[in-house]
N, C-alpha and C. Protein backbone atom coordinates (compact mmCIF):
# COMPACT_ATOMS: atom_id res chain seq x y z
N MET A 1 21.04 66.54 122.68
CA MET A 1 19.61 66.73 122.61
C MET A 1 19.31 68.30 122.65
N SER A 2 18.58 68.68 121.60
CA SER A 2 18.26 70.12 121.48
C SER A 2 17.08 70.48 122.40
N GLU A 3 17.25 71.59 123.14
CA GLU A 3 16.20 72.11 123.93
C GLU A 3 15.85 73.57 123.53
N ARG A 4 14.68 73.88 123.84
CA ARG A 4 14.22 75.26 123.44
C ARG A 4 14.53 76.13 124.75
N ILE A 5 15.24 77.22 124.35
CA ILE A 5 15.68 78.16 125.35
C ILE A 5 15.14 79.56 125.02
N LEU A 6 14.58 80.18 126.05
CA LEU A 6 14.06 81.55 125.85
C LEU A 6 15.08 82.54 126.53
N LEU A 7 15.49 83.48 125.75
CA LEU A 7 16.22 84.60 126.27
C LEU A 7 15.36 85.87 126.21
N ALA A 8 14.91 86.28 127.39
CA ALA A 8 14.02 87.44 127.45
C ALA A 8 14.86 88.53 128.06
N TYR A 9 14.87 89.75 127.50
CA TYR A 9 15.77 90.85 127.96
C TYR A 9 15.03 92.15 128.08
N ALA A 10 15.58 92.99 128.95
CA ALA A 10 15.21 94.42 129.12
C ALA A 10 16.45 95.19 128.89
N THR A 11 16.50 96.15 127.98
CA THR A 11 17.69 96.87 127.68
C THR A 11 17.40 98.35 127.67
N THR A 12 18.36 99.22 127.97
CA THR A 12 18.23 100.61 127.93
C THR A 12 18.81 101.13 126.65
N ASP A 13 20.02 100.70 126.29
CA ASP A 13 20.70 101.26 125.11
C ASP A 13 20.99 100.18 124.07
N GLY A 14 20.54 98.94 124.30
CA GLY A 14 20.68 97.93 123.30
C GLY A 14 21.85 96.88 123.62
N HIS A 15 22.62 97.17 124.56
CA HIS A 15 23.80 96.28 124.77
C HIS A 15 23.34 94.93 125.39
N THR A 16 22.33 94.90 126.23
CA THR A 16 21.83 93.66 126.73
C THR A 16 21.24 92.79 125.65
N GLN A 17 20.55 93.42 124.69
CA GLN A 17 20.04 92.64 123.51
C GLN A 17 21.30 92.06 122.78
N HIS A 18 22.37 92.91 122.60
CA HIS A 18 23.54 92.40 121.94
C HIS A 18 24.11 91.20 122.61
N ILE A 19 24.17 91.18 123.88
CA ILE A 19 24.68 90.00 124.65
C ILE A 19 23.71 88.84 124.49
N CYS A 20 22.39 89.08 124.45
CA CYS A 20 21.46 87.94 124.17
C CYS A 20 21.70 87.31 122.78
N GLU A 21 21.93 88.21 121.80
CA GLU A 21 22.19 87.70 120.43
C GLU A 21 23.51 86.94 120.41
N ARG A 22 24.44 87.29 121.15
CA ARG A 22 25.70 86.51 121.20
C ARG A 22 25.46 85.21 121.92
N LEU A 23 24.66 85.22 122.96
CA LEU A 23 24.32 83.99 123.67
C LEU A 23 23.54 83.07 122.67
N LYS A 24 22.67 83.60 121.89
CA LYS A 24 21.85 82.82 120.95
C LYS A 24 22.86 82.16 119.98
N PHE A 25 23.85 82.89 119.51
CA PHE A 25 24.81 82.34 118.53
C PHE A 25 25.57 81.18 119.26
N LEU A 26 26.09 81.44 120.52
CA LEU A 26 26.76 80.34 121.16
C LEU A 26 25.91 79.13 121.46
N LEU A 27 24.70 79.45 121.95
CA LEU A 27 23.80 78.22 122.30
C LEU A 27 23.41 77.44 121.05
N THR A 28 23.16 78.16 120.01
CA THR A 28 22.82 77.51 118.71
C THR A 28 23.93 76.65 118.23
N ALA A 29 25.20 77.14 118.40
CA ALA A 29 26.42 76.30 118.07
C ALA A 29 26.46 75.11 118.94
N LEU A 30 25.90 75.25 120.21
CA LEU A 30 25.91 74.04 121.12
C LEU A 30 24.75 73.09 120.87
N GLY A 31 23.93 73.36 119.88
CA GLY A 31 22.87 72.45 119.44
C GLY A 31 21.48 72.86 120.05
N GLN A 32 21.36 74.07 120.64
CA GLN A 32 20.10 74.47 121.18
C GLN A 32 19.27 75.31 120.23
N ARG A 33 17.91 75.30 120.50
CA ARG A 33 17.02 76.12 119.76
C ARG A 33 16.74 77.31 120.61
N VAL A 34 16.92 78.53 120.18
CA VAL A 34 16.91 79.72 121.04
C VAL A 34 15.92 80.75 120.40
N THR A 35 15.13 81.31 121.32
CA THR A 35 14.20 82.46 120.93
C THR A 35 14.72 83.60 121.80
N VAL A 36 14.90 84.76 121.18
CA VAL A 36 15.34 85.98 121.85
C VAL A 36 14.23 87.06 121.65
N VAL A 37 13.72 87.54 122.73
CA VAL A 37 12.68 88.61 122.69
C VAL A 37 12.80 89.61 123.79
N PRO A 38 12.41 90.87 123.56
CA PRO A 38 12.24 91.82 124.68
C PRO A 38 11.28 91.20 125.71
N ILE A 39 11.54 91.54 126.96
CA ILE A 39 10.78 90.95 128.04
C ILE A 39 9.28 91.25 127.88
N GLU A 40 8.98 92.44 127.31
CA GLU A 40 7.60 92.80 127.14
C GLU A 40 6.84 91.85 126.16
N GLN A 41 7.56 91.36 125.21
CA GLN A 41 6.96 90.32 124.30
C GLN A 41 6.94 88.94 124.79
N ALA A 42 7.76 88.62 125.81
CA ALA A 42 7.86 87.27 126.37
C ALA A 42 6.47 86.93 127.06
N ASP A 43 5.71 87.93 127.56
CA ASP A 43 4.43 87.65 128.20
C ASP A 43 3.51 86.97 127.20
N ALA A 44 3.60 87.24 125.91
CA ALA A 44 2.68 86.75 124.85
C ALA A 44 3.07 85.27 124.53
N LEU A 45 4.15 84.86 124.98
CA LEU A 45 4.60 83.52 124.62
C LEU A 45 4.12 82.48 125.58
N ASN A 46 3.97 81.24 125.20
CA ASN A 46 3.69 80.18 126.18
C ASN A 46 4.98 79.73 126.77
N LEU A 47 5.29 80.20 128.02
CA LEU A 47 6.60 79.91 128.59
C LEU A 47 6.77 78.43 128.86
N GLY A 48 5.71 77.68 128.98
CA GLY A 48 5.73 76.23 129.14
C GLY A 48 6.34 75.49 128.02
N ASN A 49 6.41 76.17 126.83
CA ASN A 49 7.11 75.51 125.69
C ASN A 49 8.65 75.59 125.69
N PHE A 50 9.18 76.24 126.68
CA PHE A 50 10.67 76.35 126.80
C PHE A 50 11.18 75.47 127.94
N GLU A 51 12.30 74.78 127.65
CA GLU A 51 12.89 73.97 128.71
C GLU A 51 13.72 74.79 129.65
N ARG A 52 14.25 75.89 129.15
CA ARG A 52 15.10 76.77 129.93
C ARG A 52 14.69 78.26 129.66
N ILE A 53 14.69 79.09 130.69
CA ILE A 53 14.39 80.49 130.53
C ILE A 53 15.50 81.31 131.14
N VAL A 54 15.99 82.32 130.30
CA VAL A 54 17.03 83.22 130.82
C VAL A 54 16.47 84.62 130.70
N ILE A 55 16.68 85.39 131.79
CA ILE A 55 16.30 86.79 131.74
C ILE A 55 17.60 87.64 131.96
N GLY A 56 17.65 88.57 130.94
CA GLY A 56 18.80 89.57 131.04
C GLY A 56 18.28 90.93 131.27
N ALA A 57 18.95 91.76 132.05
CA ALA A 57 18.46 93.03 132.35
C ALA A 57 19.60 94.07 132.56
N SER A 58 19.41 95.21 131.99
CA SER A 58 20.46 96.30 132.22
C SER A 58 20.09 97.10 133.38
N ILE A 59 21.16 97.91 133.71
CA ILE A 59 20.98 98.88 134.84
C ILE A 59 21.15 100.27 134.23
N ARG A 60 20.34 101.16 134.73
CA ARG A 60 20.49 102.61 134.50
C ARG A 60 20.21 103.41 135.76
N TYR A 61 21.22 104.15 136.17
CA TYR A 61 21.10 104.87 137.41
C TYR A 61 20.74 104.04 138.60
N GLY A 62 21.38 102.80 138.65
CA GLY A 62 21.25 102.01 139.79
C GLY A 62 20.08 101.02 139.84
N HIS A 63 19.29 101.00 138.81
CA HIS A 63 18.09 100.21 138.86
C HIS A 63 17.85 99.35 137.59
N HIS A 64 17.37 98.16 137.77
CA HIS A 64 16.89 97.47 136.65
C HIS A 64 15.52 97.97 136.24
N GLN A 65 15.14 97.81 135.01
CA GLN A 65 13.83 98.25 134.55
C GLN A 65 12.71 97.55 135.38
N PRO A 66 11.74 98.23 135.77
CA PRO A 66 10.65 97.69 136.65
C PRO A 66 9.90 96.53 135.96
N GLN A 67 9.87 96.44 134.67
CA GLN A 67 9.14 95.35 134.00
C GLN A 67 9.78 93.98 134.26
N VAL A 68 11.10 93.99 134.57
CA VAL A 68 11.77 92.76 134.84
C VAL A 68 11.26 92.16 136.13
N ALA A 69 11.17 92.81 137.18
CA ALA A 69 10.57 92.25 138.43
C ALA A 69 9.09 91.89 138.26
N ARG A 70 8.36 92.64 137.51
CA ARG A 70 6.97 92.41 137.31
C ARG A 70 6.82 91.08 136.49
N PHE A 71 7.68 90.86 135.45
CA PHE A 71 7.66 89.67 134.70
C PHE A 71 8.07 88.49 135.54
N ILE A 72 9.09 88.65 136.37
CA ILE A 72 9.45 87.48 137.27
C ILE A 72 8.32 87.21 138.21
N SER A 73 7.70 88.16 138.79
CA SER A 73 6.63 87.91 139.76
C SER A 73 5.40 87.21 139.10
N ARG A 74 5.09 87.59 137.84
CA ARG A 74 3.98 86.95 137.12
C ARG A 74 4.23 85.48 136.75
N HIS A 75 5.51 85.26 136.52
CA HIS A 75 5.94 83.91 135.99
C HIS A 75 6.80 83.13 136.93
N GLN A 76 6.81 83.42 138.24
CA GLN A 76 7.63 82.81 139.16
C GLN A 76 7.49 81.22 139.16
N ALA A 77 6.27 80.78 139.16
CA ALA A 77 6.04 79.28 139.21
C ALA A 77 6.78 78.67 137.97
N THR A 78 6.59 79.26 136.80
CA THR A 78 7.19 78.65 135.56
C THR A 78 8.69 78.70 135.64
N LEU A 79 9.21 79.83 136.12
CA LEU A 79 10.64 80.01 136.31
C LEU A 79 11.26 78.98 137.22
N GLU A 80 10.50 78.62 138.31
CA GLU A 80 11.02 77.68 139.27
C GLU A 80 10.81 76.24 138.90
N SER A 81 10.01 76.00 137.85
CA SER A 81 9.67 74.69 137.45
C SER A 81 10.72 74.10 136.41
N ARG A 82 11.70 74.92 136.05
CA ARG A 82 12.65 74.46 135.01
C ARG A 82 13.96 75.15 135.28
N PRO A 83 14.98 74.68 134.63
CA PRO A 83 16.30 75.43 134.73
C PRO A 83 16.12 76.86 134.26
N SER A 84 16.55 77.80 135.05
CA SER A 84 16.40 79.20 134.73
C SER A 84 17.56 79.98 135.18
N ALA A 85 17.77 81.12 134.49
CA ALA A 85 18.95 81.95 134.80
C ALA A 85 18.64 83.48 134.69
N PHE A 86 19.58 84.25 135.26
CA PHE A 86 19.42 85.65 135.23
C PHE A 86 20.78 86.27 134.97
N PHE A 87 20.83 87.31 134.25
CA PHE A 87 22.08 88.06 134.15
C PHE A 87 21.76 89.58 134.20
N SER A 88 22.64 90.30 134.84
CA SER A 88 22.58 91.77 134.88
C SER A 88 23.71 92.39 134.05
N VAL A 89 23.47 93.47 133.43
CA VAL A 89 24.48 94.18 132.63
C VAL A 89 24.58 95.54 133.19
N ASN A 90 25.82 95.92 133.68
CA ASN A 90 26.06 97.22 134.14
C ASN A 90 27.53 97.65 134.03
N ILE A 91 27.74 98.90 134.03
CA ILE A 91 29.13 99.41 133.89
C ILE A 91 29.96 99.21 135.17
N VAL A 92 29.33 99.15 136.30
CA VAL A 92 30.00 98.94 137.52
C VAL A 92 30.73 97.61 137.45
N ALA A 93 30.20 96.63 136.74
CA ALA A 93 30.85 95.29 136.58
C ALA A 93 32.20 95.32 135.82
N ARG A 94 32.59 96.48 135.33
CA ARG A 94 33.89 96.57 134.76
C ARG A 94 35.03 96.39 135.79
N LYS A 95 34.68 96.62 137.10
CA LYS A 95 35.64 96.37 138.09
C LYS A 95 35.63 94.98 138.57
N PRO A 96 36.79 94.46 138.73
CA PRO A 96 36.95 93.04 139.08
C PRO A 96 36.29 92.64 140.43
N ASN A 97 36.22 93.54 141.29
CA ASN A 97 35.67 93.26 142.58
C ASN A 97 34.05 93.51 142.68
N LYS A 98 33.51 93.74 141.42
CA LYS A 98 32.01 94.03 141.36
C LYS A 98 31.46 93.31 140.14
N ASN A 99 31.98 92.16 139.77
CA ASN A 99 31.50 91.57 138.49
C ASN A 99 30.82 90.21 138.73
N THR A 100 30.38 89.87 139.94
CA THR A 100 29.63 88.70 140.20
C THR A 100 28.37 89.03 140.92
N PRO A 101 27.38 88.11 140.85
CA PRO A 101 26.07 88.43 141.58
C PRO A 101 26.29 88.69 143.02
N GLU A 102 27.30 88.12 143.64
CA GLU A 102 27.56 88.24 145.02
C GLU A 102 28.20 89.63 145.34
N THR A 103 29.02 90.13 144.41
CA THR A 103 29.80 91.39 144.72
C THR A 103 29.25 92.59 143.97
N ASN A 104 28.40 92.39 143.01
CA ASN A 104 27.79 93.60 142.24
C ASN A 104 26.59 94.15 143.11
N PRO A 105 26.67 95.39 143.55
CA PRO A 105 25.66 95.86 144.45
C PRO A 105 24.20 95.87 143.79
N TYR A 106 24.17 96.11 142.45
CA TYR A 106 22.87 96.16 141.79
C TYR A 106 22.23 94.80 141.64
N ALA A 107 23.00 93.87 141.20
CA ALA A 107 22.56 92.46 141.02
C ALA A 107 22.23 91.90 142.39
N ARG A 108 23.03 92.05 143.40
CA ARG A 108 22.74 91.56 144.67
C ARG A 108 21.47 92.06 145.25
N LYS A 109 21.27 93.38 145.17
CA LYS A 109 20.02 94.01 145.73
C LYS A 109 18.84 93.53 144.92
N PHE A 110 18.95 93.43 143.59
CA PHE A 110 17.84 92.97 142.78
C PHE A 110 17.45 91.48 143.22
N LEU A 111 18.38 90.62 143.17
CA LEU A 111 18.20 89.23 143.52
C LEU A 111 17.65 88.98 144.98
N GLN A 112 18.07 89.84 145.82
CA GLN A 112 17.57 89.79 147.26
C GLN A 112 16.17 90.26 147.34
N GLY A 113 15.71 91.18 146.43
CA GLY A 113 14.44 91.73 146.44
C GLY A 113 13.35 91.02 145.78
N ILE A 114 13.66 89.89 145.14
CA ILE A 114 12.69 89.10 144.47
C ILE A 114 12.58 87.65 145.04
N ALA A 115 11.47 86.98 144.95
CA ALA A 115 11.27 85.72 145.46
C ALA A 115 12.03 84.60 144.66
N TRP A 116 12.05 84.83 143.30
CA TRP A 116 12.74 83.77 142.43
C TRP A 116 14.18 83.70 142.74
N LYS A 117 14.72 82.48 142.84
CA LYS A 117 16.12 82.29 142.96
C LYS A 117 16.56 81.49 141.72
N PRO A 118 17.16 82.22 140.75
CA PRO A 118 17.57 81.48 139.43
C PRO A 118 18.70 80.46 139.84
N GLN A 119 18.68 79.37 139.06
CA GLN A 119 19.72 78.36 139.24
C GLN A 119 21.06 78.93 138.84
N LEU A 120 21.09 79.91 137.94
CA LEU A 120 22.34 80.45 137.44
C LEU A 120 22.21 81.95 137.35
N ALA A 121 23.18 82.68 137.84
CA ALA A 121 23.12 84.13 137.80
C ALA A 121 24.52 84.63 137.38
N ALA A 122 24.55 85.69 136.60
CA ALA A 122 25.82 86.30 136.25
C ALA A 122 25.66 87.79 136.16
N VAL A 123 26.80 88.47 136.09
CA VAL A 123 26.82 89.95 135.91
C VAL A 123 27.90 90.13 134.76
N PHE A 124 27.48 90.87 133.78
CA PHE A 124 28.38 91.25 132.71
C PHE A 124 28.58 92.77 132.64
N ALA A 125 29.78 93.10 132.41
CA ALA A 125 30.12 94.60 132.27
C ALA A 125 29.44 95.06 130.90
N GLY A 126 28.97 96.26 130.97
CA GLY A 126 28.24 96.80 129.78
C GLY A 126 29.07 97.60 128.86
N LYS A 127 28.45 98.46 128.16
CA LYS A 127 29.12 99.28 127.13
C LYS A 127 28.84 100.77 127.46
N LEU A 128 29.81 101.55 127.37
CA LEU A 128 29.71 103.01 127.54
C LEU A 128 29.74 103.60 126.16
N ASP A 129 28.70 104.42 125.80
CA ASP A 129 28.61 104.93 124.41
C ASP A 129 28.09 106.41 124.52
N TYR A 130 29.04 107.28 124.88
CA TYR A 130 28.66 108.70 125.12
C TYR A 130 27.96 109.33 123.96
N PRO A 131 28.39 109.10 122.71
CA PRO A 131 27.76 109.78 121.53
C PRO A 131 26.30 109.40 121.40
N MET A 132 25.90 108.19 121.88
CA MET A 132 24.58 107.66 121.77
C MET A 132 23.60 108.39 122.73
N TYR A 133 24.08 108.80 123.88
CA TYR A 133 23.27 109.36 124.94
C TYR A 133 22.78 110.80 124.64
N GLY A 134 21.67 111.07 125.16
CA GLY A 134 21.20 112.51 125.10
C GLY A 134 22.02 113.33 126.02
N PHE A 135 21.81 114.63 125.96
CA PHE A 135 22.62 115.60 126.78
C PHE A 135 22.58 115.23 128.22
N PHE A 136 21.44 115.04 128.81
CA PHE A 136 21.32 114.83 130.23
C PHE A 136 22.01 113.54 130.60
N ASP A 137 21.71 112.45 129.94
CA ASP A 137 22.30 111.17 130.27
C ASP A 137 23.84 111.18 130.07
N ARG A 138 24.33 111.89 129.08
CA ARG A 138 25.78 112.02 128.87
C ARG A 138 26.40 112.70 130.04
N GLN A 139 25.87 113.78 130.53
CA GLN A 139 26.46 114.53 131.58
C GLN A 139 26.38 113.72 132.88
N MET A 140 25.19 113.10 133.19
CA MET A 140 25.10 112.34 134.39
C MET A 140 26.05 111.18 134.37
N ILE A 141 26.14 110.42 133.29
CA ILE A 141 27.06 109.30 133.20
C ILE A 141 28.47 109.70 133.27
N ARG A 142 28.85 110.86 132.73
CA ARG A 142 30.24 111.36 132.85
C ARG A 142 30.51 111.69 134.28
N LEU A 143 29.58 112.26 135.02
CA LEU A 143 29.87 112.54 136.44
C LEU A 143 30.03 111.26 137.20
N ILE A 144 29.18 110.30 136.92
CA ILE A 144 29.37 108.97 137.63
C ILE A 144 30.67 108.35 137.28
N MET A 145 31.04 108.39 136.01
CA MET A 145 32.34 107.84 135.54
C MET A 145 33.51 108.56 136.22
N TRP A 146 33.40 109.94 136.32
CA TRP A 146 34.45 110.74 136.95
C TRP A 146 34.56 110.29 138.45
N MET A 147 33.47 110.12 139.15
CA MET A 147 33.43 109.74 140.56
C MET A 147 33.97 108.37 140.72
N THR A 148 33.83 107.48 139.79
CA THR A 148 34.25 106.13 139.90
C THR A 148 35.52 105.82 139.06
N LYS A 149 36.22 106.84 138.61
CA LYS A 149 37.45 106.82 137.92
C LYS A 149 37.34 105.97 136.64
N GLY A 150 36.28 106.22 135.93
CA GLY A 150 36.05 105.60 134.59
C GLY A 150 36.27 106.65 133.49
N PRO A 151 36.05 106.28 132.24
CA PRO A 151 36.26 107.13 131.07
C PRO A 151 35.19 108.30 131.10
N THR A 152 35.73 109.52 130.84
CA THR A 152 34.84 110.68 130.82
C THR A 152 34.84 111.43 129.48
N ASP A 153 35.65 111.04 128.53
CA ASP A 153 35.72 111.72 127.24
C ASP A 153 34.34 111.60 126.56
N PRO A 154 33.66 112.69 126.33
CA PRO A 154 32.30 112.61 125.83
C PRO A 154 32.19 112.04 124.43
N LYS A 155 33.30 111.67 123.76
CA LYS A 155 33.29 111.03 122.43
C LYS A 155 33.59 109.55 122.63
N ALA A 156 33.92 109.08 123.79
CA ALA A 156 34.37 107.70 124.08
C ALA A 156 33.24 106.66 123.86
N VAL A 157 33.61 105.62 123.27
CA VAL A 157 32.74 104.40 123.21
C VAL A 157 33.63 103.22 123.65
N VAL A 158 33.24 102.63 124.79
CA VAL A 158 34.07 101.64 125.38
C VAL A 158 33.18 100.46 125.75
N GLU A 159 33.53 99.33 125.18
CA GLU A 159 32.86 98.09 125.51
C GLU A 159 33.64 97.32 126.59
N PHE A 160 33.04 97.12 127.76
CA PHE A 160 33.69 96.51 128.88
C PHE A 160 33.37 95.00 128.98
N THR A 161 32.44 94.53 128.14
CA THR A 161 31.97 93.21 128.28
C THR A 161 33.12 92.10 128.08
N ASP A 162 33.18 91.19 128.99
CA ASP A 162 34.08 89.99 128.95
C ASP A 162 33.37 88.96 128.11
N TRP A 163 33.63 88.84 126.86
CA TRP A 163 32.92 87.82 126.01
C TRP A 163 33.29 86.48 126.34
N ALA A 164 34.40 86.18 126.88
CA ALA A 164 34.69 84.85 127.43
C ALA A 164 33.75 84.41 128.57
N LYS A 165 33.43 85.39 129.34
CA LYS A 165 32.53 85.17 130.51
C LYS A 165 31.13 84.95 130.00
N VAL A 166 30.71 85.61 128.89
CA VAL A 166 29.49 85.28 128.25
C VAL A 166 29.45 83.88 127.71
N GLU A 167 30.54 83.48 127.11
CA GLU A 167 30.56 82.14 126.61
C GLU A 167 30.54 81.08 127.71
N ALA A 168 31.23 81.31 128.81
CA ALA A 168 31.15 80.47 129.94
C ALA A 168 29.78 80.34 130.50
N PHE A 169 29.00 81.40 130.48
CA PHE A 169 27.57 81.44 130.90
C PHE A 169 26.76 80.55 129.98
N ALA A 170 26.99 80.58 128.70
CA ALA A 170 26.26 79.75 127.74
C ALA A 170 26.53 78.26 127.99
N HIS A 171 27.76 77.96 128.34
CA HIS A 171 28.06 76.58 128.63
C HIS A 171 27.44 76.15 129.94
N ALA A 172 27.46 77.01 130.97
CA ALA A 172 26.89 76.69 132.24
C ALA A 172 25.38 76.58 132.13
N LEU A 173 24.75 77.31 131.22
CA LEU A 173 23.30 77.24 131.06
C LEU A 173 22.93 75.83 130.52
N CYS A 174 23.72 75.38 129.58
CA CYS A 174 23.47 74.04 128.98
C CYS A 174 23.68 72.98 129.97
N ALA A 175 24.53 73.26 130.97
CA ALA A 175 24.79 72.21 132.05
C ALA A 175 23.77 72.08 133.14
N LEU A 176 22.84 73.10 133.15
CA LEU A 176 21.86 73.13 134.20
C LEU A 176 20.92 71.87 134.10
N THR A 177 20.54 71.36 135.23
CA THR A 177 19.57 70.30 135.25
C THR A 177 18.42 70.69 136.13
N PRO A 178 17.22 70.19 135.91
CA PRO A 178 16.03 70.58 136.67
C PRO A 178 16.36 70.25 138.20
N GLY A 179 16.21 71.29 138.98
CA GLY A 179 16.44 71.13 140.48
C GLY A 179 17.89 70.87 140.85
N GLY A 180 18.79 71.07 139.91
CA GLY A 180 20.18 70.87 140.14
C GLY A 180 20.85 71.92 140.91
N ALA A 181 22.09 71.67 141.23
CA ALA A 181 22.92 72.72 142.02
C ALA A 181 23.17 73.93 141.13
N ARG A 182 23.40 75.00 141.77
CA ARG A 182 23.72 76.25 141.10
C ARG A 182 25.16 76.29 140.73
N PRO A 183 25.47 76.40 139.35
CA PRO A 183 26.85 76.49 138.98
C PRO A 183 27.42 77.83 139.48
N VAL A 184 28.74 77.91 139.58
CA VAL A 184 29.40 79.14 139.97
C VAL A 184 30.28 79.58 138.77
N LEU A 185 30.01 80.81 138.41
CA LEU A 185 30.87 81.40 137.28
C LEU A 185 31.92 82.32 137.91
N HIS A 186 33.09 82.25 137.37
CA HIS A 186 34.18 83.10 137.79
C HIS A 186 34.65 83.99 136.70
């Protein structure tokens, strides 16, 4: 049975959108009808037309974009009335001990700070693209990477995303039932 799924995202450098497009491909292959939009455009949609809603958000300098929490606050009742999910994208998740909603400090803090409790939550490692960043961001991110023993070559482009984990998330999303138990992703 085909359901309409909304994937609303907030991205800094485009990788969260890339993950959403991959999720759309996977979900479409599983027989779902999927709409992907930036979170700012999701407000203009009738969220009641979607059976499932997924919110994806990236991290920059330790924070999700403020529009994500605002969107969730405005639409909390709708999010809670149907199967819904959240995923965070950040470079810290490249580390095995920081790649789940329970172990990733940014996802954990964000989810604890909002009233909505998504049925499904995940954390995906992002992409490091030094040539894309402006001078200030490149230097700041290199410093952070140096401190956390990550890549610091200013020409490096490294995608840390575990695409098998993204695929597992798509399958778990399809398995959600209204008011059902929260699946656990590993």
